[in-house]
Amino acid sequence: MLENANNETQTIFKFIAKNEYKKLGQYLEKSGNGVNVVDIEESRQYTALTFAAFKNHTKCFRILYEHGCRFNLTLDKNKKPMAKLLQIWADRLTDE
């Protein structure tokens, strides 16, 4: 299970790094709510969203943002407002 999650994370970050937004969108669309893009991080603790912003890949950012809002942030059990959840997601610290 953990290996599958690592492969999934590597795949998503590879698409972001190469700005392959169409492949990223197709991958996430196919997975539906099976991929939690809010929680995945790479080795430097970048979330997928912050990595896309760091790389200035706006189309990847938008795809991740929309997927996270549609499938992941709506599942918050504490019923925090969406704006607060987005802020927490975007402001997560990295090791840099």
Protein backbone atom coordinates (compact mmCIF):
# COMPACT_ATOMS: atom_id res chain seq x y z
CA MET A 1 0.00 0.00 0.00
CA LEU A 2 2.77 2.47 0.95
CA GLU A 3 4.70 1.59 -2.21
CA ASN A 4 1.63 2.38 -4.29
CA ALA A 5 1.28 5.75 -2.53
CA ASN A 6 4.97 6.50 -3.22
CA ASN A 7 4.53 5.65 -6.90
CA GLU A 8 1.45 7.85 -7.04
CA THR A 9 3.31 10.76 -5.42
CA GLN A 10 6.29 10.34 -7.75
CA THR A 11 4.00 10.27 -10.77
CA ILE A 12 2.18 13.44 -9.75
CA PHE A 13 5.40 15.32 -8.96
CA LYS A 14 6.95 14.16 -12.24
CA PHE A 15 4.00 15.61 -14.15
CA ILE A 16 4.34 18.89 -12.25
CA ALA A 17 8.12 19.08 -12.71
CA LYS A 18 7.76 18.63 -16.48
CA ASN A 19 4.65 20.84 -16.64
CA GLU A 20 2.69 17.98 -18.18
CA TYR A 21 -0.62 19.44 -17.08
CA LYS A 22 -2.71 17.40 -19.52
CA LYS A 23 -1.28 14.13 -18.19
CA LEU A 24 -1.71 15.39 -14.62
CA GLY A 25 -5.34 16.25 -15.29
CA GLN A 26 -6.03 12.89 -16.92
CA TYR A 27 -4.32 11.02 -14.09
CA LEU A 28 -6.31 12.82 -11.41
CA GLU A 29 -9.57 12.60 -13.36
CA LYS A 30 -9.14 8.85 -13.70
CA SER A 31 -8.40 8.49 -9.99
CA GLY A 32 -11.41 10.54 -8.84
CA ASN A 33 -11.32 10.93 -5.08
CA GLY A 34 -8.69 8.19 -4.75
CA VAL A 35 -5.80 10.69 -4.73
CA ASN A 36 -5.53 13.14 -1.88
CA VAL A 37 -3.44 15.90 -3.48
CA VAL A 38 -3.65 17.95 -0.29
CA ASP A 39 -1.65 15.49 1.81
CA ILE A 40 1.02 14.24 -0.58
CA GLU A 41 4.50 15.71 -0.18
CA GLU A 42 7.86 15.20 -1.81
CA SER A 43 11.21 14.84 -0.01
CA ARG A 44 11.63 18.59 0.63
CA GLN A 45 8.11 18.68 2.10
CA TYR A 46 6.58 20.55 -0.81
CA THR A 47 2.94 19.70 -1.31
CA ALA A 48 1.88 19.17 -4.90
CA LEU A 49 0.23 22.61 -4.86
CA THR A 50 3.25 24.45 -3.46
CA PHE A 51 5.58 22.63 -5.85
CA ALA A 52 3.46 23.70 -8.83
CA ALA A 53 3.53 27.29 -7.53
CA PHE A 54 7.30 27.11 -6.96
CA LYS A 55 7.81 25.90 -10.54
CA ASN A 56 5.39 28.59 -11.77
CA HIS A 57 3.33 25.97 -13.58
CA THR A 58 -0.03 27.68 -13.38
CA LYS A 59 -2.01 25.06 -15.30
CA CYS A 60 -0.75 22.30 -13.00
CA PHE A 61 -1.55 24.53 -10.01
CA ARG A 62 -5.09 25.07 -11.25
CA ILE A 63 -5.67 21.35 -11.86
CA LEU A 64 -4.40 20.49 -8.36
CA TYR A 65 -6.41 23.30 -6.79
CA GLU A 66 -9.64 22.20 -8.48
CA HIS A 67 -9.06 18.53 -7.66
CA GLY A 68 -8.24 19.32 -4.04
CA CYS A 69 -11.30 21.52 -3.63
CA ARG A 70 -13.58 19.02 -5.31
CA PHE A 71 -12.42 15.79 -3.69
CA ASN A 72 -10.11 16.40 -0.75
CA LEU A 73 -10.94 19.58 1.13
CA THR A 74 -14.65 18.83 1.15
CA LEU A 75 -13.87 15.71 3.21
CA ASP A 76 -12.61 17.72 6.20
CA LYS A 77 -14.23 16.28 9.29
CA ASN A 78 -13.80 19.45 11.35
CA LYS A 79 -16.03 21.46 8.97
CA LYS A 80 -13.50 24.29 8.65
CA PRO A 81 -14.37 26.95 6.08
CA MET A 82 -12.95 26.22 2.62
CA ALA A 83 -10.84 29.41 2.63
CA LYS A 84 -9.12 28.32 5.85
CA LEU A 85 -8.42 24.86 4.46
CA LEU A 86 -6.91 26.37 1.32
CA GLN A 87 -4.73 28.64 3.42
CA ILE A 88 -3.45 25.72 5.50
CA TRP A 89 -2.73 23.73 2.33
CA ALA A 90 -0.92 26.57 0.59
CA ASP A 91 1.04 27.72 3.66
CA ARG A 92 2.47 24.35 4.66
CA LEU A 93 6.17 24.73 5.44
CA THR A 94 8.93 23.08 3.44
CA ASP A 95 12.47 22.31 4.57
CA GLU A 96 13.85 25.22 2.51
